[in-house]
Amino acid sequence: MIAVSIQRLGAADIDLARAMNALFAKAFEEPAHYADAPPDDAWLAEILARESVVALVALTGERVVAAAFAYELDKLEQRRRELYLYDLAVAADHRRRGIATALIDTLRHHAAARGCSTLFVQAVDGDDQAIALYTKLGKREDVVHFDITPAGVGGIGPSD
């Protein structure tokens, strides 16, 4: 693994949060999704200040070369929580060097410290690199995912 430093972002790390989003936009090939309506500084600071939100960046010098973003989800059926790894990306020129595994390991330690019963992640069918990484680290569970548009937002739904 190359020398990188992993940093958890806090409310003051607005520029790093924007660099994280830029990395996600490039890695996921979704520039419009990340650039069309970027959040203002106050929104980013509010999100990053939450203990239940974990935003990690891997840095080489001042460059963000990888990032992970996760949310804690409190459960209703039992007194427990889960950590959901929502986004994970590594810059193309830094892949296959152990950085994604290091980010996930950092999240595993956070999950343990916060009493999370599991750390879970979804992968898009066909994203073979992500699926191989997650298979190496955990147990696979095949699910079907649905995006349901909130009422009044202008999407497809029974009450629109």
N, C-alpha and C. Protein backbone atom coordinates (compact mmCIF):
# COMPACT_ATOMS: atom_id res chain seq x y z
N MET A 1 0.84 -1.18 0.00
CA MET A 1 0.00 0.00 0.00
C MET A 1 0.89 1.24 0.00
N ILE A 2 0.48 2.26 -0.75
CA ILE A 2 1.24 3.50 -0.81
C ILE A 2 0.96 4.33 0.44
N ALA A 3 1.82 5.29 0.70
CA ALA A 3 1.64 6.15 1.88
C ALA A 3 0.54 7.16 1.62
N VAL A 4 -0.54 6.99 2.33
CA VAL A 4 -1.64 7.95 2.29
C VAL A 4 -2.03 8.23 3.73
N SER A 5 -2.62 9.37 3.94
CA SER A 5 -3.19 9.64 5.26
C SER A 5 -4.70 9.66 5.10
N ILE A 6 -5.36 9.05 6.07
CA ILE A 6 -6.82 9.02 6.06
C ILE A 6 -7.31 10.01 7.10
N GLN A 7 -8.23 10.86 6.68
CA GLN A 7 -8.74 11.90 7.56
C GLN A 7 -10.26 11.86 7.56
N ARG A 8 -10.85 11.94 8.76
CA ARG A 8 -12.29 12.08 8.88
C ARG A 8 -12.62 13.57 8.81
N LEU A 9 -13.56 13.92 7.96
CA LEU A 9 -13.91 15.32 7.79
C LEU A 9 -14.84 15.79 8.90
N GLY A 10 -14.66 17.05 9.27
CA GLY A 10 -15.52 17.71 10.23
C GLY A 10 -16.12 18.96 9.61
N ALA A 11 -16.86 19.70 10.40
CA ALA A 11 -17.61 20.86 9.91
C ALA A 11 -16.74 21.90 9.19
N ALA A 12 -15.47 22.00 9.54
CA ALA A 12 -14.61 23.01 8.93
C ALA A 12 -13.97 22.55 7.62
N ASP A 13 -14.19 21.31 7.23
CA ASP A 13 -13.50 20.74 6.07
C ASP A 13 -14.29 20.86 4.77
N ILE A 14 -14.81 22.03 4.52
CA ILE A 14 -15.65 22.27 3.35
C ILE A 14 -14.90 22.01 2.05
N ASP A 15 -13.67 22.51 1.94
CA ASP A 15 -12.91 22.32 0.70
C ASP A 15 -12.64 20.84 0.43
N LEU A 16 -12.33 20.08 1.47
CA LEU A 16 -12.11 18.64 1.29
C LEU A 16 -13.41 17.92 0.92
N ALA A 17 -14.53 18.37 1.46
CA ALA A 17 -15.82 17.78 1.09
C ALA A 17 -16.11 18.04 -0.40
N ARG A 18 -15.78 19.23 -0.86
CA ARG A 18 -15.98 19.54 -2.28
C ARG A 18 -15.04 18.70 -3.15
N ALA A 19 -13.82 18.49 -2.69
CA ALA A 19 -12.88 17.63 -3.42
C ALA A 19 -13.37 16.18 -3.43
N MET A 20 -13.97 15.75 -2.33
CA MET A 20 -14.56 14.42 -2.25
C MET A 20 -15.66 14.27 -3.31
N ASN A 21 -16.55 15.25 -3.38
CA ASN A 21 -17.62 15.20 -4.37
C ASN A 21 -17.08 15.23 -5.80
N ALA A 22 -16.03 15.98 -6.03
CA ALA A 22 -15.42 16.01 -7.37
C ALA A 22 -14.84 14.64 -7.73
N LEU A 23 -14.23 13.98 -6.76
CA LEU A 23 -13.71 12.63 -6.99
C LEU A 23 -14.85 11.67 -7.31
N PHE A 24 -15.94 11.74 -6.53
CA PHE A 24 -17.09 10.87 -6.79
C PHE A 24 -17.65 11.13 -8.19
N ALA A 25 -17.76 12.40 -8.59
CA ALA A 25 -18.30 12.74 -9.91
C ALA A 25 -17.47 12.10 -11.02
N LYS A 26 -16.16 12.16 -10.87
CA LYS A 26 -15.28 11.59 -11.90
C LYS A 26 -15.30 10.07 -11.86
N ALA A 27 -15.16 9.49 -10.67
CA ALA A 27 -15.09 8.04 -10.56
C ALA A 27 -16.38 7.36 -10.99
N PHE A 28 -17.52 7.98 -10.68
CA PHE A 28 -18.82 7.39 -11.01
C PHE A 28 -19.32 7.85 -12.38
N GLU A 29 -18.53 8.72 -13.05
CA GLU A 29 -18.90 9.26 -14.36
C GLU A 29 -20.28 9.90 -14.32
N GLU A 30 -20.51 10.72 -13.29
CA GLU A 30 -21.76 11.42 -13.11
C GLU A 30 -21.51 12.90 -12.79
N PRO A 31 -20.83 13.62 -13.69
CA PRO A 31 -20.50 15.02 -13.37
C PRO A 31 -21.73 15.89 -13.12
N ALA A 32 -22.79 15.70 -13.87
CA ALA A 32 -23.98 16.53 -13.69
C ALA A 32 -24.61 16.30 -12.32
N HIS A 33 -24.65 15.07 -11.88
CA HIS A 33 -25.25 14.75 -10.58
C HIS A 33 -24.56 15.51 -9.45
N TYR A 34 -23.27 15.66 -9.55
CA TYR A 34 -22.50 16.32 -8.49
C TYR A 34 -22.32 17.82 -8.71
N ALA A 35 -22.54 18.30 -9.94
CA ALA A 35 -22.26 19.71 -10.24
C ALA A 35 -23.50 20.57 -10.46
N ASP A 36 -24.62 19.96 -10.78
CA ASP A 36 -25.81 20.75 -11.13
C ASP A 36 -26.38 21.57 -9.97
N ALA A 37 -26.33 21.04 -8.77
CA ALA A 37 -26.90 21.75 -7.62
C ALA A 37 -26.04 21.49 -6.38
N PRO A 38 -24.79 21.95 -6.39
CA PRO A 38 -23.93 21.68 -5.24
C PRO A 38 -24.45 22.37 -3.97
N PRO A 39 -24.30 21.71 -2.83
CA PRO A 39 -24.78 22.31 -1.58
C PRO A 39 -23.92 23.50 -1.18
N ASP A 40 -24.53 24.40 -0.42
CA ASP A 40 -23.77 25.55 0.07
C ASP A 40 -22.91 25.13 1.26
N ASP A 41 -22.04 26.01 1.69
CA ASP A 41 -21.11 25.71 2.78
C ASP A 41 -21.85 25.35 4.08
N ALA A 42 -22.94 26.04 4.37
CA ALA A 42 -23.67 25.78 5.61
C ALA A 42 -24.23 24.36 5.63
N TRP A 43 -24.75 23.90 4.51
CA TRP A 43 -25.28 22.54 4.42
C TRP A 43 -24.16 21.52 4.65
N LEU A 44 -23.04 21.72 3.96
CA LEU A 44 -21.91 20.79 4.13
C LEU A 44 -21.43 20.78 5.57
N ALA A 45 -21.29 21.93 6.18
CA ALA A 45 -20.82 22.00 7.56
C ALA A 45 -21.79 21.27 8.50
N GLU A 46 -23.09 21.46 8.27
CA GLU A 46 -24.09 20.79 9.11
C GLU A 46 -23.99 19.27 9.00
N ILE A 47 -23.87 18.77 7.79
CA ILE A 47 -23.77 17.33 7.56
C ILE A 47 -22.49 16.77 8.18
N LEU A 48 -21.38 17.45 7.93
CA LEU A 48 -20.08 16.95 8.41
C LEU A 48 -19.95 17.02 9.93
N ALA A 49 -20.75 17.84 10.59
CA ALA A 49 -20.69 17.96 12.04
C ALA A 49 -21.40 16.81 12.76
N ARG A 50 -22.22 16.07 12.05
CA ARG A 50 -22.99 14.99 12.68
C ARG A 50 -22.10 13.80 13.03
N GLU A 51 -22.24 13.31 14.25
CA GLU A 51 -21.50 12.12 14.67
C GLU A 51 -21.93 10.90 13.86
N SER A 52 -23.17 10.89 13.38
CA SER A 52 -23.71 9.74 12.65
C SER A 52 -23.34 9.73 11.17
N VAL A 53 -22.57 10.72 10.74
CA VAL A 53 -22.10 10.79 9.36
C VAL A 53 -20.59 10.64 9.38
N VAL A 54 -20.08 9.76 8.53
CA VAL A 54 -18.64 9.54 8.47
C VAL A 54 -18.16 9.83 7.05
N ALA A 55 -17.43 10.91 6.89
CA ALA A 55 -16.84 11.29 5.60
C ALA A 55 -15.34 11.15 5.76
N LEU A 56 -14.76 10.25 4.98
CA LEU A 56 -13.33 9.99 5.03
C LEU A 56 -12.68 10.34 3.70
N VAL A 57 -11.50 10.92 3.75
CA VAL A 57 -10.70 11.13 2.55
C VAL A 57 -9.33 10.49 2.78
N ALA A 58 -8.78 9.97 1.70
CA ALA A 58 -7.39 9.49 1.69
C ALA A 58 -6.60 10.52 0.90
N LEU A 59 -5.56 11.03 1.52
CA LEU A 59 -4.77 12.11 0.94
C LEU A 59 -3.35 11.65 0.65
N THR A 60 -2.84 12.11 -0.50
CA THR A 60 -1.41 12.08 -0.75
C THR A 60 -1.03 13.55 -0.88
N GLY A 61 -0.32 14.02 0.11
CA GLY A 61 -0.08 15.45 0.20
C GLY A 61 -1.41 16.13 0.48
N GLU A 62 -1.81 17.04 -0.39
CA GLU A 62 -3.09 17.72 -0.23
C GLU A 62 -4.13 17.21 -1.22
N ARG A 63 -3.78 16.22 -2.03
CA ARG A 63 -4.69 15.69 -3.05
C ARG A 63 -5.57 14.58 -2.47
N VAL A 64 -6.88 14.70 -2.68
CA VAL A 64 -7.82 13.65 -2.31
C VAL A 64 -7.74 12.57 -3.39
N VAL A 65 -7.24 11.39 -3.02
CA VAL A 65 -7.09 10.29 -3.98
C VAL A 65 -8.13 9.20 -3.77
N ALA A 66 -8.86 9.28 -2.67
CA ALA A 66 -9.93 8.32 -2.41
C ALA A 66 -10.84 8.91 -1.34
N ALA A 67 -12.06 8.40 -1.30
CA ALA A 67 -13.01 8.91 -0.32
C ALA A 67 -14.07 7.86 -0.03
N ALA A 68 -14.63 7.95 1.16
CA ALA A 68 -15.74 7.09 1.56
C ALA A 68 -16.72 7.93 2.35
N PHE A 69 -18.00 7.65 2.15
CA PHE A 69 -19.05 8.39 2.85
C PHE A 69 -20.06 7.39 3.39
N ALA A 70 -20.30 7.46 4.71
CA ALA A 70 -21.18 6.48 5.35
C ALA A 70 -22.12 7.16 6.34
N TYR A 71 -23.26 6.50 6.57
CA TYR A 71 -24.27 6.97 7.51
C TYR A 71 -24.55 5.90 8.54
N GLU A 72 -24.75 6.29 9.77
CA GLU A 72 -25.25 5.37 10.78
C GLU A 72 -26.77 5.35 10.69
N LEU A 73 -27.33 4.16 10.76
CA LEU A 73 -28.78 3.99 10.73
C LEU A 73 -29.22 3.31 12.01
N ASP A 74 -29.98 4.02 12.83
CA ASP A 74 -30.50 3.44 14.06
C ASP A 74 -31.68 2.54 13.72
N LYS A 75 -31.73 1.37 14.34
CA LYS A 75 -32.76 0.38 14.05
C LYS A 75 -33.91 0.51 15.04
N LEU A 76 -35.08 0.10 14.64
CA LEU A 76 -36.25 0.16 15.49
C LEU A 76 -36.53 -1.17 16.18
N GLU A 77 -36.24 -2.27 15.49
CA GLU A 77 -36.60 -3.59 16.02
C GLU A 77 -35.71 -4.05 17.17
N GLN A 78 -34.54 -3.46 17.28
CA GLN A 78 -33.61 -3.78 18.36
C GLN A 78 -32.82 -2.52 18.67
N ARG A 79 -32.22 -2.48 19.87
CA ARG A 79 -31.35 -1.35 20.21
C ARG A 79 -29.99 -1.61 19.56
N ARG A 80 -29.89 -1.18 18.33
CA ARG A 80 -28.65 -1.35 17.57
C ARG A 80 -28.66 -0.37 16.41
N ARG A 81 -27.52 -0.25 15.81
CA ARG A 81 -27.40 0.58 14.61
C ARG A 81 -26.51 -0.13 13.61
N GLU A 82 -26.64 0.29 12.38
CA GLU A 82 -25.82 -0.24 11.30
C GLU A 82 -25.11 0.94 10.64
N LEU A 83 -23.99 0.66 10.02
CA LEU A 83 -23.26 1.69 9.28
C LEU A 83 -23.39 1.36 7.80
N TYR A 84 -23.94 2.30 7.03
CA TYR A 84 -24.17 2.11 5.61
C TYR A 84 -23.12 2.89 4.83
N LEU A 85 -22.27 2.18 4.14
CA LEU A 85 -21.26 2.79 3.27
C LEU A 85 -21.95 3.16 1.97
N TYR A 86 -22.22 4.45 1.81
CA TYR A 86 -23.01 4.95 0.69
C TYR A 86 -22.16 5.15 -0.57
N ASP A 87 -21.00 5.75 -0.43
CA ASP A 87 -20.12 5.99 -1.57
C ASP A 87 -18.68 5.67 -1.20
N LEU A 88 -17.98 5.08 -2.15
CA LEU A 88 -16.55 4.78 -2.01
C LEU A 88 -15.94 4.90 -3.39
N ALA A 89 -14.87 5.68 -3.51
CA ALA A 89 -14.20 5.83 -4.79
C ALA A 89 -12.71 6.04 -4.57
N VAL A 90 -11.94 5.56 -5.54
CA VAL A 90 -10.50 5.76 -5.55
C VAL A 90 -10.13 6.31 -6.93
N ALA A 91 -9.31 7.34 -6.95
CA ALA A 91 -8.85 7.91 -8.23
C ALA A 91 -8.21 6.81 -9.07
N ALA A 92 -8.43 6.87 -10.37
CA ALA A 92 -7.97 5.82 -11.28
C ALA A 92 -6.48 5.53 -11.14
N ASP A 93 -5.68 6.56 -10.93
CA ASP A 93 -4.23 6.36 -10.85
C ASP A 93 -3.76 5.87 -9.48
N HIS A 94 -4.69 5.62 -8.56
CA HIS A 94 -4.33 5.11 -7.23
C HIS A 94 -5.05 3.81 -6.88
N ARG A 95 -5.69 3.18 -7.84
CA ARG A 95 -6.42 1.95 -7.59
C ARG A 95 -5.47 0.77 -7.45
N ARG A 96 -6.00 -0.27 -6.79
CA ARG A 96 -5.29 -1.54 -6.59
C ARG A 96 -4.02 -1.36 -5.74
N ARG A 97 -4.10 -0.44 -4.79
CA ARG A 97 -2.98 -0.19 -3.88
C ARG A 97 -3.39 -0.35 -2.42
N GLY A 98 -4.59 -0.85 -2.17
CA GLY A 98 -5.04 -1.07 -0.81
C GLY A 98 -5.74 0.10 -0.15
N ILE A 99 -5.96 1.17 -0.90
CA ILE A 99 -6.55 2.37 -0.29
C ILE A 99 -8.02 2.15 0.07
N ALA A 100 -8.78 1.52 -0.82
CA ALA A 100 -10.20 1.26 -0.53
C ALA A 100 -10.32 0.35 0.70
N THR A 101 -9.47 -0.65 0.79
CA THR A 101 -9.49 -1.55 1.95
C THR A 101 -9.15 -0.78 3.22
N ALA A 102 -8.20 0.15 3.15
CA ALA A 102 -7.84 0.96 4.31
C ALA A 102 -9.01 1.85 4.74
N LEU A 103 -9.73 2.42 3.78
CA LEU A 103 -10.90 3.23 4.12
C LEU A 103 -11.97 2.37 4.79
N ILE A 104 -12.22 1.20 4.24
CA ILE A 104 -13.22 0.31 4.83
C ILE A 104 -12.77 -0.14 6.22
N ASP A 105 -11.49 -0.40 6.40
CA ASP A 105 -11.00 -0.78 7.73
C ASP A 105 -11.22 0.34 8.74
N THR A 106 -11.01 1.59 8.31
CA THR A 106 -11.28 2.74 9.18
C THR A 106 -12.76 2.79 9.54
N LEU A 107 -13.63 2.53 8.56
CA LEU A 107 -15.07 2.49 8.83
C LEU A 107 -15.43 1.34 9.77
N ARG A 108 -14.78 0.21 9.63
CA ARG A 108 -15.03 -0.93 10.53
C ARG A 108 -14.70 -0.56 11.97
N HIS A 109 -13.62 0.16 12.17
CA HIS A 109 -13.25 0.60 13.51
C HIS A 109 -14.26 1.62 14.05
N HIS A 110 -14.71 2.52 13.20
CA HIS A 110 -15.74 3.48 13.61
C HIS A 110 -17.00 2.72 14.01
N ALA A 111 -17.41 1.75 13.18
CA ALA A 111 -18.62 0.97 13.46
C ALA A 111 -18.51 0.27 14.81
N ALA A 112 -17.37 -0.30 15.09
CA ALA A 112 -17.18 -0.99 16.37
C ALA A 112 -17.26 0.00 17.54
N ALA A 113 -16.62 1.14 17.39
CA ALA A 113 -16.61 2.14 18.46
C ALA A 113 -18.00 2.70 18.74
N ARG A 114 -18.84 2.75 17.72
CA ARG A 114 -20.19 3.30 17.85
C ARG A 114 -21.24 2.24 18.12
N GLY A 115 -20.82 0.99 18.30
CA GLY A 115 -21.75 -0.08 18.62
C GLY A 115 -22.60 -0.54 17.45
N CYS A 116 -22.11 -0.37 16.24
CA CYS A 116 -22.85 -0.82 15.07
C CYS A 116 -22.76 -2.35 14.96
N SER A 117 -23.89 -2.96 14.59
CA SER A 117 -23.91 -4.42 14.46
C SER A 117 -23.34 -4.88 13.14
N THR A 118 -23.32 -4.00 12.15
CA THR A 118 -22.77 -4.36 10.85
C THR A 118 -22.40 -3.10 10.07
N LEU A 119 -21.55 -3.29 9.10
CA LEU A 119 -21.23 -2.27 8.10
C LEU A 119 -21.69 -2.87 6.78
N PHE A 120 -22.59 -2.20 6.08
CA PHE A 120 -23.06 -2.76 4.82
C PHE A 120 -22.90 -1.77 3.68
N VAL A 121 -22.85 -2.34 2.47
CA VAL A 121 -22.62 -1.56 1.26
C VAL A 121 -23.36 -2.24 0.12
N GLN A 122 -23.76 -1.46 -0.86
CA GLN A 122 -24.37 -1.98 -2.07
C GLN A 122 -23.40 -1.77 -3.23
N ALA A 123 -23.50 -2.64 -4.22
CA ALA A 123 -22.69 -2.47 -5.43
C ALA A 123 -23.61 -2.64 -6.63
N VAL A 124 -23.32 -1.90 -7.67
CA VAL A 124 -24.09 -2.00 -8.90
C VAL A 124 -23.69 -3.27 -9.63
N ASP A 125 -24.68 -4.04 -10.05
CA ASP A 125 -24.41 -5.25 -10.81
C ASP A 125 -23.57 -4.88 -12.03
N GLY A 126 -22.46 -5.57 -12.23
CA GLY A 126 -21.55 -5.27 -13.32
C GLY A 126 -20.32 -4.49 -12.90
N ASP A 127 -20.33 -3.92 -11.69
CA ASP A 127 -19.15 -3.23 -11.16
C ASP A 127 -18.25 -4.29 -10.53
N ASP A 128 -17.56 -5.01 -11.38
CA ASP A 128 -16.81 -6.19 -10.94
C ASP A 128 -15.72 -5.88 -9.93
N GLN A 129 -15.07 -4.72 -10.06
CA GLN A 129 -14.01 -4.37 -9.11
C GLN A 129 -14.59 -4.18 -7.71
N ALA A 130 -15.69 -3.44 -7.61
CA ALA A 130 -16.31 -3.22 -6.31
C ALA A 130 -16.82 -4.52 -5.72
N ILE A 131 -17.46 -5.33 -6.54
CA ILE A 131 -18.00 -6.61 -6.06
C ILE A 131 -16.87 -7.52 -5.57
N ALA A 132 -15.76 -7.55 -6.28
CA ALA A 132 -14.62 -8.36 -5.84
C ALA A 132 -14.08 -7.87 -4.50
N LEU A 133 -13.96 -6.56 -4.34
CA LEU A 133 -13.47 -5.99 -3.08
C LEU A 133 -14.40 -6.36 -1.93
N TYR A 134 -15.70 -6.12 -2.11
CA TYR A 134 -16.65 -6.37 -1.03
C TYR A 134 -16.78 -7.86 -0.72
N THR A 135 -16.65 -8.71 -1.74
CA THR A 135 -16.70 -10.15 -1.52
C THR A 135 -15.52 -10.60 -0.68
N LYS A 136 -14.37 -9.99 -0.91
CA LYS A 136 -13.17 -10.30 -0.13
C LYS A 136 -13.35 -9.93 1.34
N LEU A 137 -14.12 -8.89 1.60
CA LEU A 137 -14.23 -8.35 2.95
C LEU A 137 -15.47 -8.79 3.72
N GLY A 138 -16.47 -9.30 3.03
CA GLY A 138 -17.71 -9.60 3.73
C GLY A 138 -18.53 -10.67 3.06
N LYS A 139 -19.73 -10.85 3.56
CA LYS A 139 -20.66 -11.87 3.07
C LYS A 139 -21.62 -11.21 2.08
N ARG A 140 -21.76 -11.83 0.92
CA ARG A 140 -22.63 -11.28 -0.13
C ARG A 140 -24.08 -11.62 0.16
N GLU A 141 -24.95 -10.63 -0.07
CA GLU A 141 -26.38 -10.81 0.03
C GLU A 141 -27.01 -10.14 -1.18
N ASP A 142 -27.66 -10.90 -2.02
CA ASP A 142 -28.27 -10.34 -3.21
C ASP A 142 -29.64 -9.77 -2.86
N VAL A 143 -29.87 -8.52 -3.24
CA VAL A 143 -31.13 -7.83 -2.97
C VAL A 143 -31.57 -7.11 -4.24
N VAL A 144 -32.80 -6.69 -4.26
CA VAL A 144 -33.31 -5.86 -5.34
C VAL A 144 -33.56 -4.49 -4.74
N HIS A 145 -33.04 -3.47 -5.38
CA HIS A 145 -33.09 -2.10 -4.87
C HIS A 145 -34.13 -1.31 -5.67
N PHE A 146 -34.92 -0.48 -4.99
CA PHE A 146 -35.90 0.38 -5.65
C PHE A 146 -35.71 1.81 -5.18
N ASP A 147 -35.78 2.76 -6.09
CA ASP A 147 -35.84 4.18 -5.76
C ASP A 147 -37.28 4.62 -5.92
N ILE A 148 -37.88 5.10 -4.85
CA ILE A 148 -39.27 5.53 -4.87
C ILE A 148 -39.28 7.05 -4.70
N THR A 149 -39.85 7.74 -5.66
CA THR A 149 -39.88 9.20 -5.65
C THR A 149 -40.89 9.69 -4.62
N PRO A 150 -40.51 10.63 -3.77
CA PRO A 150 -41.46 11.20 -2.81
C PRO A 150 -42.65 11.86 -3.53
N ALA A 151 -43.79 11.86 -2.88
CA ALA A 151 -44.98 12.47 -3.46
C ALA A 151 -44.72 13.94 -3.75
N GLY A 152 -45.23 14.39 -4.88
CA GLY A 152 -45.11 15.79 -5.24
C GLY A 152 -43.79 16.21 -5.84
N VAL A 153 -42.85 15.29 -5.99
CA VAL A 153 -41.53 15.64 -6.53
C VAL A 153 -41.52 15.56 -8.05
N GLY A 154 -42.52 14.92 -8.64
CA GLY A 154 -42.59 14.87 -10.10
C GLY A 154 -42.00 13.61 -10.69
N GLY A 155 -42.03 12.54 -9.95
CA GLY A 155 -41.53 11.28 -10.47
C GLY A 155 -42.67 10.31 -10.67
N ILE A 156 -42.29 9.07 -10.80
CA ILE A 156 -43.27 8.01 -10.98
C ILE A 156 -43.67 7.50 -9.62
N GLY A 157 -44.94 7.44 -9.35
CA GLY A 157 -45.41 6.94 -8.08
C GLY A 157 -46.93 6.88 -8.05
N PRO A 158 -47.48 6.11 -7.14
CA PRO A 158 -48.93 5.91 -7.12
C PRO A 158 -49.73 7.16 -6.79
N SER A 159 -49.14 8.15 -6.12
CA SER A 159 -49.91 9.34 -5.73
C SER A 159 -49.59 10.56 -6.58
N ASP A 160 -48.78 10.40 -7.64
CA ASP A 160 -48.42 11.55 -8.48
C ASP A 160 -49.51 11.83 -9.50
